[in-house]
């Protein structure tokens, strides 16, 4: 019995440490396509290994839909179909996410836009209640921010991704289904 395993992670375009250009496509179809391409790359790197897919929040929704796409198109994705042994979805509450969508635009528009330091951004996320745990904020907030030089040469930090540019995709991404 093989007791070793690999953990391979990636950030969606415009998320985490992955940068994207303004206006880049964040549609559900594009994120699913990107995810399947990552799976295929991993399959080519490690052809003898099985795959367990794990997704968190929006990533859980996309993981579910990516695996469903692979299973619906078994012939096209035969190798992945044979290797996917499980799907784990963490913290995707479809009903709650869908109910919150009408308020998201206002939440995004009213959040603080600029921070003097990354630590200030971390503190903001905790004090605003967006993230409840300071340790978690210290891990998850820095990849959300990017350095921006001001006209006078100083440095500030701003949100890396313009969330409002992805608003047209929100309702489709959070509907989880497998046909």
C-alpha atoms as a PDB file:
ATOM      1  CA  UNK A   1       0.000   0.000   0.000  1.00  0.00           C
ATOM      2  CA  UNK A   2       1.409   3.396  -1.011  1.00  0.00           C
ATOM      3  CA  UNK A   3       1.310   5.792   1.927  1.00  0.00           C
ATOM      4  CA  UNK A   4       2.943   8.734   0.184  1.00  0.00           C
ATOM      5  CA  UNK A   5       1.030  11.509  -1.512  1.00  0.00           C
ATOM      6  CA  UNK A   6       1.502  14.861  -3.196  1.00  0.00           C
ATOM      7  CA  UNK A   7      -0.413  18.062  -2.632  1.00  0.00           C
ATOM      8  CA  UNK A   8      -0.638  20.306  -5.657  1.00  0.00           C
ATOM      9  CA  UNK A   9      -2.338  23.677  -5.390  1.00  0.00           C
ATOM     10  CA  UNK A  10      -3.017  26.495  -7.795  1.00  0.00           C
ATOM     11  CA  UNK A  11      -4.621  29.918  -7.676  1.00  0.00           C
ATOM     12  CA  UNK A  12      -7.356  30.824 -10.129  1.00  0.00           C
ATOM     13  CA  UNK A  13      -6.554  33.718 -12.434  1.00  0.00           C
ATOM     14  CA  UNK A  14      -6.821  36.923 -10.405  1.00  0.00           C
ATOM     15  CA  UNK A  15      -6.772  35.058  -7.088  1.00  0.00           C
ATOM     16  CA  UNK A  16      -4.010  34.437  -4.568  1.00  0.00           C
ATOM     17  CA  UNK A  17      -0.608  34.879  -6.151  1.00  0.00           C
ATOM     18  CA  UNK A  18      -1.953  34.660  -9.711  1.00  0.00           C
ATOM     19  CA  UNK A  19      -2.172  38.000 -11.479  1.00  0.00           C
ATOM     20  CA  UNK A  20      -4.464  38.870 -14.358  1.00  0.00           C
ATOM     21  CA  UNK A  21      -4.980  41.773 -16.676  1.00  0.00           C
ATOM     22  CA  UNK A  22      -7.922  44.130 -16.209  1.00  0.00           C
ATOM     23  CA  UNK A  23     -11.089  42.769 -17.767  1.00  0.00           C
ATOM     24  CA  UNK A  24      -9.790  39.209 -18.064  1.00  0.00           C
ATOM     25  CA  UNK A  25     -12.465  36.531 -18.264  1.00  0.00           C
ATOM     26  CA  UNK A  26     -13.473  35.127 -14.865  1.00  0.00           C
ATOM     27  CA  UNK A  27     -16.482  33.218 -16.166  1.00  0.00           C
ATOM     28  CA  UNK A  28     -17.393  29.848 -14.778  1.00  0.00           C
ATOM     29  CA  UNK A  29     -16.594  28.231 -18.124  1.00  0.00           C
ATOM     30  CA  UNK A  30     -13.097  29.750 -18.182  1.00  0.00           C
ATOM     31  CA  UNK A  31     -12.342  28.735 -14.589  1.00  0.00           C
ATOM     32  CA  UNK A  32     -13.530  25.183 -15.294  1.00  0.00           C
ATOM     33  CA  UNK A  33     -11.396  25.046 -18.438  1.00  0.00           C
ATOM     34  CA  UNK A  34      -8.372  26.345 -16.501  1.00  0.00           C
ATOM     35  CA  UNK A  35      -8.954  23.759 -13.769  1.00  0.00           C
ATOM     36  CA  UNK A  36      -9.177  20.866 -16.211  1.00  0.00           C
ATOM     37  CA  UNK A  37      -5.948  22.058 -17.868  1.00  0.00           C
ATOM     38  CA  UNK A  38      -4.242  21.969 -14.457  1.00  0.00           C
ATOM     39  CA  UNK A  39      -5.579  18.437 -13.898  1.00  0.00           C
ATOM     40  CA  UNK A  40      -4.230  17.386 -17.307  1.00  0.00           C
ATOM     41  CA  UNK A  41      -0.828  18.902 -16.520  1.00  0.00           C
ATOM     42  CA  UNK A  42      -0.699  17.045 -13.201  1.00  0.00           C
ATOM     43  CA  UNK A  43      -1.800  13.857 -14.958  1.00  0.00           C
ATOM     44  CA  UNK A  44       1.093  14.214 -17.424  1.00  0.00           C
ATOM     45  CA  UNK A  45       3.606  14.894 -14.633  1.00  0.00           C
ATOM     46  CA  UNK A  46       2.473  11.982 -12.478  1.00  0.00           C
ATOM     47  CA  UNK A  47       0.836   9.428 -14.814  1.00  0.00           C
ATOM     48  CA  UNK A  48       0.725   6.638 -12.224  1.00  0.00           C
ATOM     49  CA  UNK A  49      -0.969   8.643  -9.460  1.00  0.00           C
ATOM     50  CA  UNK A  50      -4.635   8.870  -8.567  1.00  0.00           C
ATOM     51  CA  UNK A  51      -6.258  12.235  -7.924  1.00  0.00           C
ATOM     52  CA  UNK A  52      -8.432  13.517  -5.103  1.00  0.00           C
ATOM     53  CA  UNK A  53      -9.819  16.979  -5.876  1.00  0.00           C
ATOM     54  CA  UNK A  54     -10.329  19.461  -3.033  1.00  0.00           C
ATOM     55  CA  UNK A  55     -11.992  22.851  -3.433  1.00  0.00           C
ATOM     56  CA  UNK A  56     -12.779  25.624  -0.970  1.00  0.00           C
ATOM     57  CA  UNK A  57     -15.560  28.209  -1.277  1.00  0.00           C
ATOM     58  CA  UNK A  58     -15.814  29.319  -4.923  1.00  0.00           C
ATOM     59  CA  UNK A  59     -13.045  26.812  -5.670  1.00  0.00           C
ATOM     60  CA  UNK A  60     -15.324  24.084  -4.317  1.00  0.00           C
ATOM     61  CA  UNK A  61     -18.027  25.070  -6.757  1.00  0.00           C
ATOM     62  CA  UNK A  62     -15.561  25.106  -9.669  1.00  0.00           C
ATOM     63  CA  UNK A  63     -13.997  21.818  -8.509  1.00  0.00           C
ATOM     64  CA  UNK A  64     -17.436  20.184  -8.492  1.00  0.00           C
ATOM     65  CA  UNK A  65     -18.269  21.467 -11.957  1.00  0.00           C
ATOM     66  CA  UNK A  66     -14.825  20.517 -13.330  1.00  0.00           C
ATOM     67  CA  UNK A  67     -15.161  16.943 -12.102  1.00  0.00           C
ATOM     68  CA  UNK A  68     -18.727  16.832 -13.480  1.00  0.00           C
ATOM     69  CA  UNK A  69     -17.405  18.015 -16.870  1.00  0.00           C
ATOM     70  CA  UNK A  70     -14.768  15.272 -16.850  1.00  0.00           C
ATOM     71  CA  UNK A  71     -17.326  12.610 -15.919  1.00  0.00           C
ATOM     72  CA  UNK A  72     -19.804  13.822 -18.562  1.00  0.00           C
ATOM     73  CA  UNK A  73     -17.083  13.618 -21.215  1.00  0.00           C
ATOM     74  CA  UNK A  74     -15.461  10.337 -20.223  1.00  0.00           C
ATOM     75  CA  UNK A  75     -14.002   9.614 -23.669  1.00  0.00           C
ATOM     76  CA  UNK A  76     -12.416  13.050 -23.995  1.00  0.00           C
ATOM     77  CA  UNK A  77     -10.918  12.932 -20.494  1.00  0.00           C
ATOM     78  CA  UNK A  78     -10.463   9.146 -20.108  1.00  0.00           C
ATOM     79  CA  UNK A  79      -7.190   9.366 -18.157  1.00  0.00           C
ATOM     80  CA  UNK A  80      -8.588  11.905 -15.675  1.00  0.00           C
ATOM     81  CA  UNK A  81     -11.853   9.978 -15.450  1.00  0.00           C
ATOM     82  CA  UNK A  82      -9.913   6.871 -14.426  1.00  0.00           C
ATOM     83  CA  UNK A  83      -7.704   8.686 -11.900  1.00  0.00           C
ATOM     84  CA  UNK A  84     -10.153  10.913  -9.998  1.00  0.00           C
ATOM     85  CA  UNK A  85     -10.883   8.979  -6.819  1.00  0.00           C
ATOM     86  CA  UNK A  86     -12.653  11.626  -4.795  1.00  0.00           C
ATOM     87  CA  UNK A  87     -14.008  15.148  -4.516  1.00  0.00           C
ATOM     88  CA  UNK A  88     -13.900  17.126  -1.274  1.00  0.00           C
ATOM     89  CA  UNK A  89     -15.762  20.429  -1.084  1.00  0.00           C
ATOM     90  CA  UNK A  90     -15.096  22.716   1.878  1.00  0.00           C
ATOM     91  CA  UNK A  91     -17.134  25.724   2.981  1.00  0.00           C
ATOM     92  CA  UNK A  92     -19.454  26.106   0.013  1.00  0.00           C
ATOM     93  CA  UNK A  93     -22.849  27.134   1.283  1.00  0.00           C
ATOM     94  CA  UNK A  94     -24.738  27.650  -1.955  1.00  0.00           C
ATOM     95  CA  UNK A  95     -27.938  28.997  -0.416  1.00  0.00           C
ATOM     96  CA  UNK A  96     -26.125  31.495   1.790  1.00  0.00           C
ATOM     97  CA  UNK A  97     -23.853  32.588  -1.056  1.00  0.00           C
ATOM     98  CA  UNK A  98     -26.819  33.103  -3.379  1.00  0.00           C
ATOM     99  CA  UNK A  99     -28.746  35.065  -0.719  1.00  0.00           C
ATOM    100  CA  UNK A 100     -25.742  37.344  -0.151  1.00  0.00           C
ATOM    101  CA  UNK A 101     -25.246  38.212  -3.839  1.00  0.00           C
ATOM    102  CA  UNK A 102     -27.610  41.225  -3.850  1.00  0.00           C
ATOM    103  CA  UNK A 103     -25.485  42.797  -1.090  1.00  0.00           C
ATOM    104  CA  UNK A 104     -22.055  41.961  -2.476  1.00  0.00           C
ATOM    105  CA  UNK A 105     -21.811  44.964  -4.800  1.00  0.00           C
ATOM    106  CA  UNK A 106     -22.373  47.339  -1.874  1.00  0.00           C
ATOM    107  CA  UNK A 107     -19.936  45.414   0.322  1.00  0.00           C
ATOM    108  CA  UNK A 108     -17.221  45.589  -2.348  1.00  0.00           C
ATOM    109  CA  UNK A 109     -17.885  49.280  -3.083  1.00  0.00           C
ATOM    110  CA  UNK A 110     -17.760  50.327   0.566  1.00  0.00           C
ATOM    111  CA  UNK A 111     -14.694  48.395   1.666  1.00  0.00           C
ATOM    112  CA  UNK A 112     -11.480  50.291   2.270  1.00  0.00           C
ATOM    113  CA  UNK A 113      -9.524  50.594  -0.983  1.00  0.00           C
ATOM    114  CA  UNK A 114      -5.961  51.407   0.108  1.00  0.00           C
ATOM    115  CA  UNK A 115      -3.691  50.467   3.004  1.00  0.00           C
ATOM    116  CA  UNK A 116      -0.356  51.913   4.140  1.00  0.00           C
ATOM    117  CA  UNK A 117       0.937  48.433   5.001  1.00  0.00           C
ATOM    118  CA  UNK A 118      -0.102  44.835   4.508  1.00  0.00           C
ATOM    119  CA  UNK A 119      -0.583  44.596   8.275  1.00  0.00           C
ATOM    120  CA  UNK A 120      -3.138  47.422   8.030  1.00  0.00           C
ATOM    121  CA  UNK A 121      -5.007  45.381   5.414  1.00  0.00           C
ATOM    122  CA  UNK A 122      -4.938  42.358   7.715  1.00  0.00           C
ATOM    123  CA  UNK A 123      -6.265  44.414  10.633  1.00  0.00           C
ATOM    124  CA  UNK A 124      -9.009  45.867   8.441  1.00  0.00           C
ATOM    125  CA  UNK A 125     -10.228  42.423   7.378  1.00  0.00           C
ATOM    126  CA  UNK A 126     -10.388  41.264  11.015  1.00  0.00           C
ATOM    127  CA  UNK A 127     -11.975  44.454  12.394  1.00  0.00           C
ATOM    128  CA  UNK A 128     -14.575  44.496   9.589  1.00  0.00           C
ATOM    129  CA  UNK A 129     -15.534  40.908  10.472  1.00  0.00           C
ATOM    130  CA  UNK A 130     -14.695  39.656   6.994  1.00  0.00           C
ATOM    131  CA  UNK A 131     -12.169  37.271   8.543  1.00  0.00           C
ATOM    132  CA  UNK A 132     -12.702  36.232  12.158  1.00  0.00           C
ATOM    133  CA  UNK A 133      -9.281  34.815  12.995  1.00  0.00           C
ATOM    134  CA  UNK A 134      -6.123  36.969  12.993  1.00  0.00           C
ATOM    135  CA  UNK A 135      -3.842  34.018  12.161  1.00  0.00           C
ATOM    136  CA  UNK A 136      -6.033  33.123   9.201  1.00  0.00           C
ATOM    137  CA  UNK A 137      -6.006  36.756   8.032  1.00  0.00           C
ATOM    138  CA  UNK A 138      -2.202  36.851   8.182  1.00  0.00           C
ATOM    139  CA  UNK A 139      -2.122  33.916   5.762  1.00  0.00           C
ATOM    140  CA  UNK A 140      -4.984  34.804   3.428  1.00  0.00           C
ATOM    141  CA  UNK A 141      -4.848  38.620   3.116  1.00  0.00           C
ATOM    142  CA  UNK A 142      -1.327  39.282   1.720  1.00  0.00           C
ATOM    143  CA  UNK A 143      -2.057  37.484  -1.581  1.00  0.00           C
ATOM    144  CA  UNK A 144      -5.166  39.662  -1.992  1.00  0.00           C
ATOM    145  CA  UNK A 145      -3.119  42.870  -2.020  1.00  0.00           C
ATOM    146  CA  UNK A 146      -0.586  44.332  -4.408  1.00  0.00           C
ATOM    147  CA  UNK A 147       1.974  47.060  -3.937  1.00  0.00           C
ATOM    148  CA  UNK A 148       1.217  50.369  -5.620  1.00  0.00           C
ATOM    149  CA  UNK A 149       3.612  53.294  -5.847  1.00  0.00           C
ATOM    150  CA  UNK A 150       2.030  56.679  -5.312  1.00  0.00           C
ATOM    151  CA  UNK A 151       2.901  59.760  -7.352  1.00  0.00           C
ATOM    152  CA  UNK A 152       5.152  60.994  -4.562  1.00  0.00           C
ATOM    153  CA  UNK A 153       7.114  57.717  -4.522  1.00  0.00           C
ATOM    154  CA  UNK A 154       5.524  56.215  -1.422  1.00  0.00           C
ATOM    155  CA  UNK A 155       4.125  52.712  -1.350  1.00  0.00           C
ATOM    156  CA  UNK A 156       0.577  51.664  -0.541  1.00  0.00           C
ATOM    157  CA  UNK A 157      -1.316  48.404  -0.935  1.00  0.00           C
ATOM    158  CA  UNK A 158      -4.530  47.963  -2.921  1.00  0.00           C
ATOM    159  CA  UNK A 159      -6.788  45.043  -3.784  1.00  0.00           C
ATOM    160  CA  UNK A 160      -5.186  42.935  -6.486  1.00  0.00           C
ATOM    161  CA  UNK A 161      -8.444  41.934  -8.156  1.00  0.00           C
ATOM    162  CA  UNK A 162     -11.276  44.252  -9.087  1.00  0.00           C
ATOM    163  CA  UNK A 163     -14.098  42.083  -7.784  1.00  0.00           C
ATOM    164  CA  UNK A 164     -16.757  44.198  -9.435  1.00  0.00           C
ATOM    165  CA  UNK A 165     -15.367  43.236 -12.842  1.00  0.00           C
ATOM    166  CA  UNK A 166     -16.370  39.641 -12.071  1.00  0.00           C
ATOM    167  CA  UNK A 167     -19.868  40.533 -10.839  1.00  0.00           C
ATOM    168  CA  UNK A 168     -21.566  39.293 -14.009  1.00  0.00           C
ATOM    169  CA  UNK A 169     -20.319  35.763 -13.181  1.00  0.00           C
ATOM    170  CA  UNK A 170     -21.243  35.587  -9.492  1.00  0.00           C
ATOM    171  CA  UNK A 171     -24.631  33.929  -9.696  1.00  0.00           C
ATOM    172  CA  UNK A 172     -23.480  31.152 -12.068  1.00  0.00           C
ATOM    173  CA  UNK A 173     -20.302  30.316 -10.128  1.00  0.00           C
ATOM    174  CA  UNK A 174     -22.108  29.681  -6.854  1.00  0.00           C
ATOM    175  CA  UNK A 175     -24.785  27.372  -8.253  1.00  0.00           C
ATOM    176  CA  UNK A 176     -23.483  23.878  -7.586  1.00  0.00           C
ATOM    177  CA  UNK A 177     -24.909  21.036  -9.597  1.00  0.00           C
ATOM    178  CA  UNK A 178     -23.944  17.739 -11.141  1.00  0.00           C
ATOM    179  CA  UNK A 179     -26.077  16.496 -14.015  1.00  0.00           C
END
